[in-house]
C-alpha atoms as a PDB file:
ATOM      1  CA  MET A   1      14.144 -20.139   2.290  1.00  0.00           C
ATOM      2  CA  ALA A   2      16.058 -17.296   3.896  1.00  0.00           C
ATOM      3  CA  GLU A   3      14.250 -14.899   6.244  1.00  0.00           C
ATOM      4  CA  SER A   4      15.294 -11.408   7.171  1.00  0.00           C
ATOM      5  CA  GLU A   5      13.976  -8.002   8.162  1.00  0.00           C
ATOM      6  CA  ILE A   6      13.532  -5.568   5.299  1.00  0.00           C
ATOM      7  CA  VAL A   7      12.013  -2.145   4.745  1.00  0.00           C
ATOM      8  CA  ILE A   8       9.965  -1.457   1.631  1.00  0.00           C
ATOM      9  CA  SER A   9       9.757   2.246   0.826  1.00  0.00           C
ATOM     10  CA  GLY A  10       8.214   3.991  -2.098  1.00  0.00           C
ATOM     11  CA  GLU A  11       5.677   6.401  -3.436  1.00  0.00           C
ATOM     12  CA  ILE A  12       1.958   6.307  -4.036  1.00  0.00           C
ATOM     13  CA  LYS A  13       1.537   7.724  -7.540  1.00  0.00           C
ATOM     14  CA  PHE A  14      -1.762   9.142  -8.753  1.00  0.00           C
ATOM     15  CA  THR A  15      -2.064   8.038 -12.389  1.00  0.00           C
ATOM     16  CA  GLN A  16      -5.341   9.662 -13.487  1.00  0.00           C
ATOM     17  CA  SER A  17      -6.109  12.516 -11.150  1.00  0.00           C
ATOM     18  CA  ALA A  18      -4.852  13.456  -7.723  1.00  0.00           C
ATOM     19  CA  PRO A  19      -6.930  14.581  -4.752  1.00  0.00           C
ATOM     20  CA  LYS A  20      -7.138  18.310  -4.010  1.00  0.00           C
ATOM     21  CA  SER A  21      -5.209  19.834  -1.095  1.00  0.00           C
ATOM     22  CA  PRO A  22      -5.784  19.998   1.771  1.00  0.00           C
ATOM     23  CA  LEU A  23      -7.132  16.540   2.510  1.00  0.00           C
ATOM     24  CA  PRO A  24      -9.866  16.376   5.163  1.00  0.00           C
ATOM     25  CA  LYS A  25      -9.096  14.779   8.502  1.00  0.00           C
ATOM     26  CA  PRO A  26      -8.855  11.802   8.676  1.00  0.00           C
ATOM     27  CA  SER A  27      -7.451  10.653   5.328  1.00  0.00           C
ATOM     28  CA  ILE A  28      -6.000   7.205   5.840  1.00  0.00           C
ATOM     29  CA  LEU A  29      -3.356   5.598   3.623  1.00  0.00           C
ATOM     30  CA  LEU A  30      -3.133   1.815   3.997  1.00  0.00           C
ATOM     31  CA  VAL A  31      -0.232   0.010   2.296  1.00  0.00           C
ATOM     32  CA  GLN A  32      -0.072  -3.789   2.498  1.00  0.00           C
ATOM     33  CA  LEU A  33       2.328  -6.547   1.554  1.00  0.00           C
ATOM     34  CA  GLN A  34       0.431  -9.759   0.849  1.00  0.00           C
ATOM     35  CA  ASP A  35       1.379 -13.370   0.226  1.00  0.00           C
ATOM     36  CA  CYS A  36      -0.529 -14.321  -2.932  1.00  0.00           C
ATOM     37  CA  ARG A  37       0.479 -17.975  -3.281  1.00  0.00           C
ATOM     38  CA  ARG A  38      -2.829 -19.540  -2.212  1.00  0.00           C
ATOM     39  CA  ALA A  39      -4.637 -21.374  -4.973  1.00  0.00           C
ATOM     40  CA  ASP A  40      -8.081 -20.133  -3.887  1.00  0.00           C
ATOM     41  CA  GLY A  41      -7.146 -16.533  -4.723  1.00  0.00           C
ATOM     42  CA  GLU A  42      -7.213 -15.355  -1.117  1.00  0.00           C
ATOM     43  CA  SER A  43      -4.173 -13.382  -0.042  1.00  0.00           C
ATOM     44  CA  THR A  44      -2.613 -13.267   3.406  1.00  0.00           C
ATOM     45  CA  ASP A  45      -1.453  -9.983   4.889  1.00  0.00           C
ATOM     46  CA  ILE A  46       2.247 -10.151   5.768  1.00  0.00           C
ATOM     47  CA  ALA A  47       2.779  -6.541   6.837  1.00  0.00           C
ATOM     48  CA  GLN A  48       0.936  -3.247   6.632  1.00  0.00           C
ATOM     49  CA  VAL A  49       1.273   0.394   7.521  1.00  0.00           C
ATOM     50  CA  GLU A  50      -1.675   2.715   8.122  1.00  0.00           C
ATOM     51  CA  VAL A  51      -1.074   6.484   8.323  1.00  0.00           C
ATOM     52  CA  ASP A  52      -3.288   9.578   8.502  1.00  0.00           C
ATOM     53  CA  VAL A  53      -1.809  11.663   5.672  1.00  0.00           C
ATOM     54  CA  HIS A  54      -4.090  14.717   5.794  1.00  0.00           C
ATOM     55  CA  GLU A  55      -1.263  16.953   7.081  1.00  0.00           C
ATOM     56  CA  VAL A  56       1.542  15.696   4.816  1.00  0.00           C
ATOM     57  CA  TYR A  57      -0.211  15.452   1.441  1.00  0.00           C
ATOM     58  CA  VAL A  58       0.655  18.113  -1.141  1.00  0.00           C
ATOM     59  CA  GLU A  59      -1.453  18.202  -4.292  1.00  0.00           C
ATOM     60  CA  GLY A  60       0.465  17.080  -7.367  1.00  0.00           C
ATOM     61  CA  GLN A  61       3.096  15.205  -5.391  1.00  0.00           C
ATOM     62  CA  PRO A  62       3.199  11.486  -4.622  1.00  0.00           C
ATOM     63  CA  LEU A  63       2.712  10.248  -1.070  1.00  0.00           C
ATOM     64  CA  LYS A  64       5.686   8.452   0.451  1.00  0.00           C
ATOM     65  CA  PHE A  65       5.432   5.264   2.521  1.00  0.00           C
ATOM     66  CA  SER A  66       7.729   2.977   4.456  1.00  0.00           C
ATOM     67  CA  LEU A  67       6.736  -0.557   5.430  1.00  0.00           C
ATOM     68  CA  LYS A  68       8.808  -2.607   7.860  1.00  0.00           C
ATOM     69  CA  VAL A  69       8.632  -6.363   7.217  1.00  0.00           C
ATOM     70  CA  PRO A  70      10.144  -8.295  10.146  1.00  0.00           C
ATOM     71  CA  ASN A  71      10.114 -11.816   8.668  1.00  0.00           C
ATOM     72  CA  PHE A  72      10.467 -11.369   4.930  1.00  0.00           C
ATOM     73  CA  VAL A  73      11.012 -14.632   3.067  1.00  0.00           C
ATOM     74  CA  TYR A  74      12.884 -14.345  -0.220  1.00  0.00           C
ATOM     75  CA  ASP A  75      11.833 -16.195  -3.380  1.00  0.00           C
ATOM     76  CA  MET A  76       8.102 -16.002  -2.616  1.00  0.00           C
ATOM     77  CA  GLU A  77       5.259 -14.386  -4.532  1.00  0.00           C
ATOM     78  CA  TYR A  78       4.109 -11.160  -2.921  1.00  0.00           C
ATOM     79  CA  GLN A  79       1.966  -8.293  -4.029  1.00  0.00           C
ATOM     80  CA  MET A  80       1.680  -4.724  -2.807  1.00  0.00           C
ATOM     81  CA  SER A  81      -1.589  -2.840  -2.461  1.00  0.00           C
ATOM     82  CA  ALA A  82      -2.613   0.631  -1.382  1.00  0.00           C
ATOM     83  CA  VAL A  83      -5.865   2.393  -0.477  1.00  0.00           C
ATOM     84  CA  LEU A  84      -6.274   6.073   0.346  1.00  0.00           C
ATOM     85  CA  ASN A  85      -9.545   6.792   2.160  1.00  0.00           C
ATOM     86  CA  ILE A  86     -10.410  10.498   1.880  1.00  0.00           C
ATOM     87  CA  GLY A  87     -12.089  11.998   4.951  1.00  0.00           C
ATOM     88  CA  TRP A  88     -12.943   8.763   6.785  1.00  0.00           C
ATOM     89  CA  THR A  89     -11.458   5.710   8.479  1.00  0.00           C
ATOM     90  CA  PRO A  90     -12.714   2.240   7.567  1.00  0.00           C
ATOM     91  CA  ASP A  91     -14.251   0.288  10.446  1.00  0.00           C
ATOM     92  CA  LYS A  92     -12.359  -3.002  10.615  1.00  0.00           C
ATOM     93  CA  SER A  93     -15.470  -4.779  11.908  1.00  0.00           C
ATOM     94  CA  LYS A  94     -17.343  -3.937   8.684  1.00  0.00           C
ATOM     95  CA  GLU A  95     -16.664  -4.913   5.110  1.00  0.00           C
ATOM     96  CA  GLU A  96     -16.641  -1.350   3.747  1.00  0.00           C
ATOM     97  CA  TRP A  97     -13.054  -0.562   2.765  1.00  0.00           C
ATOM     98  CA  ILE A  98     -13.531   2.014  -0.013  1.00  0.00           C
ATOM     99  CA  ARG A  99     -15.958   4.758  -1.062  1.00  0.00           C
ATOM    100  CA  ASN A 100     -16.424   6.979  -4.105  1.00  0.00           C
ATOM    101  CA  GLY A 101     -13.678   9.617  -4.063  1.00  0.00           C
ATOM    102  CA  ASP A 102     -11.087   7.317  -2.465  1.00  0.00           C
ATOM    103  CA  TYR A 103      -8.034   5.969  -4.322  1.00  0.00           C
ATOM    104  CA  PHE A 104      -6.819   2.388  -4.770  1.00  0.00           C
ATOM    105  CA  ASN A 105      -4.598   0.254  -6.964  1.00  0.00           C
ATOM    106  CA  ASP A 106      -6.725  -1.416  -9.604  1.00  0.00           C
ATOM    107  CA  THR A 107      -3.936  -3.573 -11.004  1.00  0.00           C
ATOM    108  CA  SER A 108      -1.732  -6.163  -9.378  1.00  0.00           C
ATOM    109  CA  HIS A 109       1.654  -4.918  -8.170  1.00  0.00           C
ATOM    110  CA  PRO A 110       3.698  -8.121  -7.866  1.00  0.00           C
ATOM    111  CA  LEU A 111       6.846  -8.009  -5.782  1.00  0.00           C
ATOM    112  CA  GLU A 112       9.386 -10.787  -6.175  1.00  0.00           C
ATOM    113  CA  ILE A 113      12.795 -10.313  -4.642  1.00  0.00           C
ATOM    114  CA  THR A 114      15.535 -12.876  -4.998  1.00  0.00           C
ATOM    115  CA  ASP A 115      18.540 -10.682  -4.139  1.00  0.00           C
ATOM    116  CA  GLN A 116      19.190 -11.217  -0.449  1.00  0.00           C
ATOM    117  CA  ASN A 117      21.882  -8.558  -0.189  1.00  0.00           C
ATOM    118  CA  GLY A 118      19.723  -5.556   0.615  1.00  0.00           C
ATOM    119  CA  ALA A 119      17.531  -4.761   3.575  1.00  0.00           C
ATOM    120  CA  ALA A 120      15.927  -1.784   1.816  1.00  0.00           C
ATOM    121  CA  ILE A 121      13.685  -2.075  -1.227  1.00  0.00           C
ATOM    122  CA  ASN A 122      12.190   0.739  -3.293  1.00  0.00           C
ATOM    123  CA  PHE A 123       8.732   0.017  -4.736  1.00  0.00           C
ATOM    124  CA  ASP A 124       6.115   2.445  -6.103  1.00  0.00           C
ATOM    125  CA  ILE A 125       2.370   1.813  -6.289  1.00  0.00           C
ATOM    126  CA  GLU A 126       0.019   3.443  -8.798  1.00  0.00           C
ATOM    127  CA  VAL A 127      -3.500   4.313  -7.645  1.00  0.00           C
ATOM    128  CA  VAL A 128      -6.651   5.511  -9.405  1.00  0.00           C
ATOM    129  CA  PRO A 129      -9.813   7.192  -8.110  1.00  0.00           C
ATOM    130  CA  CYS A 130     -12.768   5.070  -7.042  1.00  0.00           C
ATOM    131  CA  THR A 131     -15.847   6.223  -8.943  1.00  0.00           C
END
């Protein structure tokens, strides 16, 4: 399997309703690329980007992200996920990762890339409000 460095860029699209501007500080966007090949259903984080987006978010417009993946392996099963925490930052030592009013992808966003010619990939993720 070939390995290379790639950059996955795209937009976070709000499919039902979008948060109001301005977002409170902090409002953390977490985008992850995960290896989902394990039979037990657990996924392994391959790469992630975490950004406070309270100053760049504009109501009615998608959020943009860019995720650098240093050791991307082609022909594997990956999935992309995104969470937007509104007005708080999750504590990594606790299990709380989402609250009412946050946004997340509620469907699987599989990413399978077999073309090894490009180092840049465009991929959008749809998110819905957590209620």
